[in-house]
């Protein structure tokens, strides 16, 4: 009487011996294989980072160059408004990065 697969029998080293293919085992490390493509890029490599920097530079240049006329006596786009708009851009950038990371299917072992 022959069977298709014999049960594993221990060898002198304590390791089981199998005659046929082992289903469900891999030769790699324990756990699912991770794909680098599923991870998000570092923040300095993304398009939104460069758009954020361009927006900040544009706001600073605009705040420095736009002056009020002599009849009103004030600056229509002053430093306080510039800081406010830069803060709005920073909040938008942080939200966009959070959404990008939340959309990633897998997390890497190292925390960023």
N, C-alpha and C. Protein backbone atom coordinates (compact mmCIF):
# COMPACT_ATOMS: atom_id res chain seq x y z
N UNK A 1 0.84 -1.17 0.00
CA UNK A 1 0.00 0.00 0.00
C UNK A 1 0.89 1.24 0.00
N UNK A 2 0.74 2.07 -0.99
CA UNK A 2 1.55 3.28 -1.09
C UNK A 2 0.65 4.48 -0.94
N UNK A 3 1.18 5.50 -0.34
CA UNK A 3 0.42 6.73 -0.18
C UNK A 3 1.06 7.82 -1.02
N UNK A 4 0.26 8.83 -1.37
CA UNK A 4 0.77 9.91 -2.22
C UNK A 4 1.80 10.74 -1.49
N UNK A 5 1.59 11.01 -0.23
CA UNK A 5 2.54 11.81 0.54
C UNK A 5 2.72 11.16 1.89
N UNK A 6 3.97 10.89 2.24
CA UNK A 6 4.24 10.32 3.55
C UNK A 6 4.34 11.41 4.59
N UNK A 7 3.98 11.16 5.81
CA UNK A 7 4.16 12.17 6.84
C UNK A 7 5.64 12.43 7.06
N UNK A 8 5.93 13.61 7.55
CA UNK A 8 7.31 14.01 7.79
C UNK A 8 7.90 13.19 8.91
N UNK A 9 9.14 12.79 8.70
CA UNK A 9 9.82 12.05 9.75
C UNK A 9 11.07 12.81 10.15
N UNK A 10 11.34 12.89 11.44
CA UNK A 10 12.51 13.65 11.86
C UNK A 10 13.80 12.96 11.46
N UNK A 11 14.82 13.77 11.20
CA UNK A 11 16.15 13.30 10.86
C UNK A 11 17.03 13.53 12.07
N UNK A 12 18.29 13.18 11.98
CA UNK A 12 19.18 13.30 13.13
C UNK A 12 19.28 14.74 13.64
N UNK A 13 19.13 15.73 12.78
CA UNK A 13 19.22 17.13 13.21
C UNK A 13 17.91 17.65 13.76
N UNK A 14 16.87 16.84 13.77
CA UNK A 14 15.59 17.27 14.29
C UNK A 14 14.70 17.94 13.25
N UNK A 15 15.18 18.04 12.01
CA UNK A 15 14.40 18.67 10.95
C UNK A 15 13.56 17.61 10.25
N UNK A 16 12.30 17.90 9.93
CA UNK A 16 11.47 16.93 9.23
C UNK A 16 11.90 16.81 7.77
N UNK A 17 11.69 15.63 7.20
CA UNK A 17 12.01 15.37 5.81
C UNK A 17 10.70 15.18 5.07
N UNK A 18 10.55 15.83 3.91
CA UNK A 18 9.34 15.72 3.11
C UNK A 18 9.70 15.14 1.75
N UNK A 19 8.86 14.26 1.26
CA UNK A 19 9.12 13.66 -0.04
C UNK A 19 8.56 14.47 -1.19
N UNK A 20 7.48 15.20 -0.98
CA UNK A 20 6.83 15.92 -2.06
C UNK A 20 6.90 17.42 -1.83
N UNK A 21 6.24 18.17 -2.71
CA UNK A 21 6.24 19.63 -2.54
C UNK A 21 5.45 20.03 -1.29
N UNK A 22 5.94 21.03 -0.64
CA UNK A 22 5.29 21.52 0.56
C UNK A 22 4.41 22.71 0.17
N UNK A 23 3.14 22.61 0.46
CA UNK A 23 2.20 23.66 0.10
C UNK A 23 2.07 24.63 1.27
N UNK A 24 2.10 25.94 0.97
CA UNK A 24 1.89 26.93 2.01
C UNK A 24 3.16 27.43 2.67
N UNK A 25 4.29 26.96 2.24
CA UNK A 25 5.54 27.44 2.82
C UNK A 25 6.33 28.19 1.77
N UNK A 26 7.11 29.14 2.23
CA UNK A 26 7.98 29.88 1.33
C UNK A 26 9.41 29.79 1.83
N UNK A 27 10.33 30.02 0.95
CA UNK A 27 11.74 29.96 1.34
C UNK A 27 12.23 31.28 1.91
N UNK A 28 11.44 32.32 1.80
CA UNK A 28 11.85 33.65 2.24
C UNK A 28 11.58 33.87 3.72
N UNK A 29 11.71 35.12 4.15
CA UNK A 29 11.45 35.45 5.55
C UNK A 29 9.97 35.25 5.89
N UNK A 30 9.72 35.13 7.15
CA UNK A 30 8.36 34.91 7.62
C UNK A 30 7.53 36.16 7.39
N UNK A 31 6.31 35.99 6.93
CA UNK A 31 5.42 37.13 6.71
C UNK A 31 5.24 37.40 5.24
N UNK A 32 4.27 38.24 4.93
CA UNK A 32 4.00 38.55 3.53
C UNK A 32 5.11 39.39 2.92
N UNK A 33 5.32 39.18 1.65
CA UNK A 33 6.33 39.98 0.94
C UNK A 33 5.82 41.41 0.79
N UNK A 34 6.69 42.36 1.00
CA UNK A 34 6.30 43.77 0.89
C UNK A 34 6.77 44.32 -0.45
N UNK A 35 5.94 45.12 -1.03
CA UNK A 35 6.27 45.74 -2.30
C UNK A 35 6.59 47.20 -2.06
N UNK A 36 7.72 47.65 -2.61
CA UNK A 36 8.10 49.05 -2.43
C UNK A 36 7.17 49.98 -3.20
N UNK A 37 6.47 49.45 -4.20
CA UNK A 37 5.59 50.29 -5.01
C UNK A 37 4.35 50.73 -4.24
N UNK A 38 3.96 50.00 -3.21
CA UNK A 38 2.76 50.35 -2.46
C UNK A 38 3.01 51.46 -1.45
N UNK A 39 4.25 51.73 -1.13
CA UNK A 39 4.58 52.77 -0.17
C UNK A 39 4.50 54.15 -0.82
N UNK A 40 4.27 55.16 -0.01
CA UNK A 40 4.28 56.53 -0.52
C UNK A 40 5.73 57.01 -0.62
N UNK A 41 5.94 57.96 -1.51
CA UNK A 41 7.28 58.52 -1.68
C UNK A 41 7.62 59.43 -0.51
N UNK A 42 8.91 59.63 -0.25
CA UNK A 42 9.28 60.63 0.76
C UNK A 42 8.75 61.99 0.34
N UNK A 43 8.44 62.82 1.30
CA UNK A 43 7.73 64.08 1.02
C UNK A 43 8.51 65.00 0.09
N UNK A 44 9.83 65.01 0.16
CA UNK A 44 10.60 65.94 -0.67
C UNK A 44 10.68 65.49 -2.13
N UNK A 45 10.18 64.30 -2.45
CA UNK A 45 10.18 63.81 -3.83
C UNK A 45 8.82 63.96 -4.51
N UNK A 46 7.88 64.57 -3.86
CA UNK A 46 6.53 64.64 -4.41
C UNK A 46 6.27 65.97 -5.10
N UNK A 47 5.29 65.96 -5.99
CA UNK A 47 4.90 67.16 -6.71
C UNK A 47 4.29 68.19 -5.77
N UNK A 48 3.49 67.72 -4.80
CA UNK A 48 2.85 68.71 -3.92
C UNK A 48 3.85 69.48 -3.07
N UNK A 49 5.01 68.87 -2.79
CA UNK A 49 6.04 69.59 -2.05
C UNK A 49 6.57 70.77 -2.86
N UNK A 50 6.84 70.51 -4.14
CA UNK A 50 7.36 71.58 -4.99
C UNK A 50 6.30 72.65 -5.26
N UNK A 51 5.05 72.24 -5.35
CA UNK A 51 3.96 73.23 -5.50
C UNK A 51 3.85 74.07 -4.22
N UNK A 52 4.00 73.43 -3.08
CA UNK A 52 3.97 74.14 -1.80
C UNK A 52 5.10 75.18 -1.74
N UNK A 53 6.31 74.76 -2.11
CA UNK A 53 7.45 75.70 -2.09
C UNK A 53 7.24 76.85 -3.07
N UNK A 54 6.73 76.54 -4.26
CA UNK A 54 6.48 77.59 -5.24
C UNK A 54 5.42 78.56 -4.73
N UNK A 55 4.39 78.03 -4.06
CA UNK A 55 3.35 78.89 -3.49
C UNK A 55 3.90 79.81 -2.41
N UNK A 56 4.75 79.28 -1.55
CA UNK A 56 5.35 80.08 -0.48
C UNK A 56 6.22 81.19 -1.07
N UNK A 57 7.02 80.84 -2.08
CA UNK A 57 7.88 81.85 -2.71
C UNK A 57 7.02 82.92 -3.38
N UNK A 58 5.94 82.50 -4.06
CA UNK A 58 5.06 83.47 -4.72
C UNK A 58 4.41 84.41 -3.72
N UNK A 59 3.99 83.88 -2.57
CA UNK A 59 3.37 84.72 -1.54
C UNK A 59 4.38 85.71 -0.99
N UNK A 60 5.58 85.26 -0.73
CA UNK A 60 6.62 86.16 -0.19
C UNK A 60 6.96 87.26 -1.19
N UNK A 61 7.13 86.90 -2.45
CA UNK A 61 7.44 87.91 -3.46
C UNK A 61 6.29 88.90 -3.61
N UNK A 62 5.07 88.40 -3.61
CA UNK A 62 3.91 89.29 -3.73
C UNK A 62 3.81 90.23 -2.53
N UNK A 63 4.05 89.70 -1.33
CA UNK A 63 3.97 90.54 -0.14
C UNK A 63 5.05 91.62 -0.14
N UNK A 64 6.20 91.32 -0.71
CA UNK A 64 7.28 92.30 -0.75
C UNK A 64 7.08 93.36 -1.84
N UNK A 65 6.44 92.98 -2.93
CA UNK A 65 6.34 93.90 -4.07
C UNK A 65 5.05 94.71 -4.11
N UNK A 66 3.97 94.20 -3.56
CA UNK A 66 2.69 94.93 -3.62
C UNK A 66 2.68 95.99 -2.54
N UNK A 67 2.50 97.24 -2.94
CA UNK A 67 2.44 98.36 -2.01
C UNK A 67 1.08 99.03 -2.13
N UNK A 68 0.68 99.65 -1.07
CA UNK A 68 -0.55 100.43 -1.11
C UNK A 68 -0.28 101.78 -1.77
N UNK A 69 -1.33 102.39 -2.26
CA UNK A 69 -1.14 103.72 -2.85
C UNK A 69 -1.15 104.79 -1.75
N UNK A 70 -0.73 105.95 -2.08
CA UNK A 70 -0.58 107.03 -1.11
C UNK A 70 -1.91 107.49 -0.53
N UNK A 71 -2.99 107.35 -1.30
CA UNK A 71 -4.29 107.83 -0.81
C UNK A 71 -4.84 106.96 0.32
N UNK A 72 -4.59 105.66 0.30
CA UNK A 72 -5.10 104.79 1.37
C UNK A 72 -4.16 104.74 2.55
N UNK A 73 -2.88 104.92 2.29
CA UNK A 73 -1.91 104.95 3.38
C UNK A 73 -1.56 103.60 3.94
N UNK A 74 -1.99 102.50 3.32
CA UNK A 74 -1.67 101.19 3.87
C UNK A 74 -1.23 100.21 2.80
N UNK A 75 -0.70 99.14 3.25
CA UNK A 75 -0.26 98.08 2.36
C UNK A 75 -1.41 97.08 2.20
N UNK A 76 -1.91 96.87 0.98
CA UNK A 76 -3.04 95.97 0.81
C UNK A 76 -2.68 94.50 1.05
N UNK A 77 -1.43 94.15 0.92
CA UNK A 77 -0.99 92.76 1.16
C UNK A 77 0.22 92.81 2.07
N UNK A 78 -0.04 92.82 3.36
CA UNK A 78 1.04 93.01 4.32
C UNK A 78 1.59 91.66 4.81
N UNK A 79 2.54 91.73 5.71
CA UNK A 79 3.21 90.52 6.22
C UNK A 79 2.24 89.61 6.97
N UNK A 80 1.29 90.20 7.67
CA UNK A 80 0.32 89.39 8.42
C UNK A 80 -0.51 88.52 7.48
N UNK A 81 -0.96 89.10 6.37
CA UNK A 81 -1.72 88.32 5.40
C UNK A 81 -0.84 87.26 4.73
N UNK A 82 0.41 87.61 4.46
CA UNK A 82 1.32 86.66 3.84
C UNK A 82 1.53 85.44 4.74
N UNK A 83 1.74 85.68 6.03
CA UNK A 83 1.90 84.58 6.98
C UNK A 83 0.64 83.73 7.05
N UNK A 84 -0.51 84.37 7.01
CA UNK A 84 -1.78 83.64 7.05
C UNK A 84 -1.91 82.72 5.83
N UNK A 85 -1.59 83.23 4.64
CA UNK A 85 -1.70 82.42 3.43
C UNK A 85 -0.66 81.29 3.41
N UNK A 86 0.53 81.56 3.91
CA UNK A 86 1.54 80.50 4.01
C UNK A 86 1.08 79.42 4.98
N UNK A 87 0.43 79.82 6.07
CA UNK A 87 -0.12 78.85 7.01
C UNK A 87 -1.20 78.01 6.36
N UNK A 88 -2.07 78.64 5.56
CA UNK A 88 -3.10 77.88 4.84
C UNK A 88 -2.47 76.88 3.88
N UNK A 89 -1.42 77.29 3.19
CA UNK A 89 -0.72 76.36 2.30
C UNK A 89 -0.11 75.20 3.07
N UNK A 90 0.50 75.48 4.22
CA UNK A 90 1.11 74.42 5.03
C UNK A 90 0.05 73.44 5.51
N UNK A 91 -1.10 73.93 5.93
CA UNK A 91 -2.18 73.05 6.38
C UNK A 91 -2.65 72.17 5.22
N UNK A 92 -2.82 72.78 4.05
CA UNK A 92 -3.22 72.00 2.88
C UNK A 92 -2.20 70.95 2.51
N UNK A 93 -0.93 71.31 2.62
CA UNK A 93 0.13 70.34 2.31
C UNK A 93 0.11 69.18 3.30
N UNK A 94 -0.05 69.46 4.58
CA UNK A 94 -0.10 68.39 5.58
C UNK A 94 -1.30 67.48 5.36
N UNK A 95 -2.42 68.06 4.99
CA UNK A 95 -3.61 67.24 4.72
C UNK A 95 -3.38 66.36 3.50
N UNK A 96 -2.77 66.91 2.46
CA UNK A 96 -2.52 66.11 1.26
C UNK A 96 -1.55 64.97 1.54
N UNK A 97 -0.53 65.21 2.35
CA UNK A 97 0.40 64.12 2.71
C UNK A 97 -0.29 63.08 3.58
N UNK A 98 -1.15 63.53 4.48
CA UNK A 98 -1.88 62.57 5.30
C UNK A 98 -2.80 61.70 4.47
N UNK A 99 -3.47 62.30 3.50
CA UNK A 99 -4.33 61.51 2.62
C UNK A 99 -3.51 60.54 1.76
N UNK A 100 -2.34 60.97 1.33
CA UNK A 100 -1.49 60.09 0.52
C UNK A 100 -1.02 58.89 1.35
N UNK A 101 -0.65 59.13 2.58
CA UNK A 101 -0.20 58.04 3.43
C UNK A 101 -1.36 57.15 3.87
N UNK A 102 -2.53 57.74 4.06
CA UNK A 102 -3.70 56.95 4.44
C UNK A 102 -4.12 56.05 3.29
N UNK A 103 -3.85 56.46 2.06
CA UNK A 103 -4.22 55.66 0.91
C UNK A 103 -3.24 54.56 0.58
N UNK A 104 -2.09 54.55 1.22
CA UNK A 104 -1.10 53.50 0.98
C UNK A 104 -1.63 52.19 1.55
N UNK A 105 -1.52 51.13 0.76
CA UNK A 105 -2.06 49.84 1.19
C UNK A 105 -1.23 49.20 2.28
N UNK A 106 0.06 49.38 2.22
CA UNK A 106 0.95 48.75 3.19
C UNK A 106 1.78 49.79 3.89
N UNK A 107 2.20 49.49 5.07
CA UNK A 107 3.08 50.37 5.84
C UNK A 107 4.45 49.74 5.88
N UNK A 108 5.47 50.57 5.83
CA UNK A 108 6.83 50.05 5.96
C UNK A 108 7.17 49.83 7.42
N UNK A 109 8.20 49.08 7.67
CA UNK A 109 8.60 48.80 9.04
C UNK A 109 9.17 50.02 9.71
N UNK A 110 9.85 50.87 8.94
CA UNK A 110 10.43 52.08 9.53
C UNK A 110 9.40 53.20 9.51
N UNK A 111 9.28 53.87 10.62
CA UNK A 111 8.33 54.98 10.73
C UNK A 111 8.97 56.22 10.15
N UNK A 112 8.19 56.98 9.35
CA UNK A 112 8.74 58.21 8.73
C UNK A 112 8.26 59.40 9.45
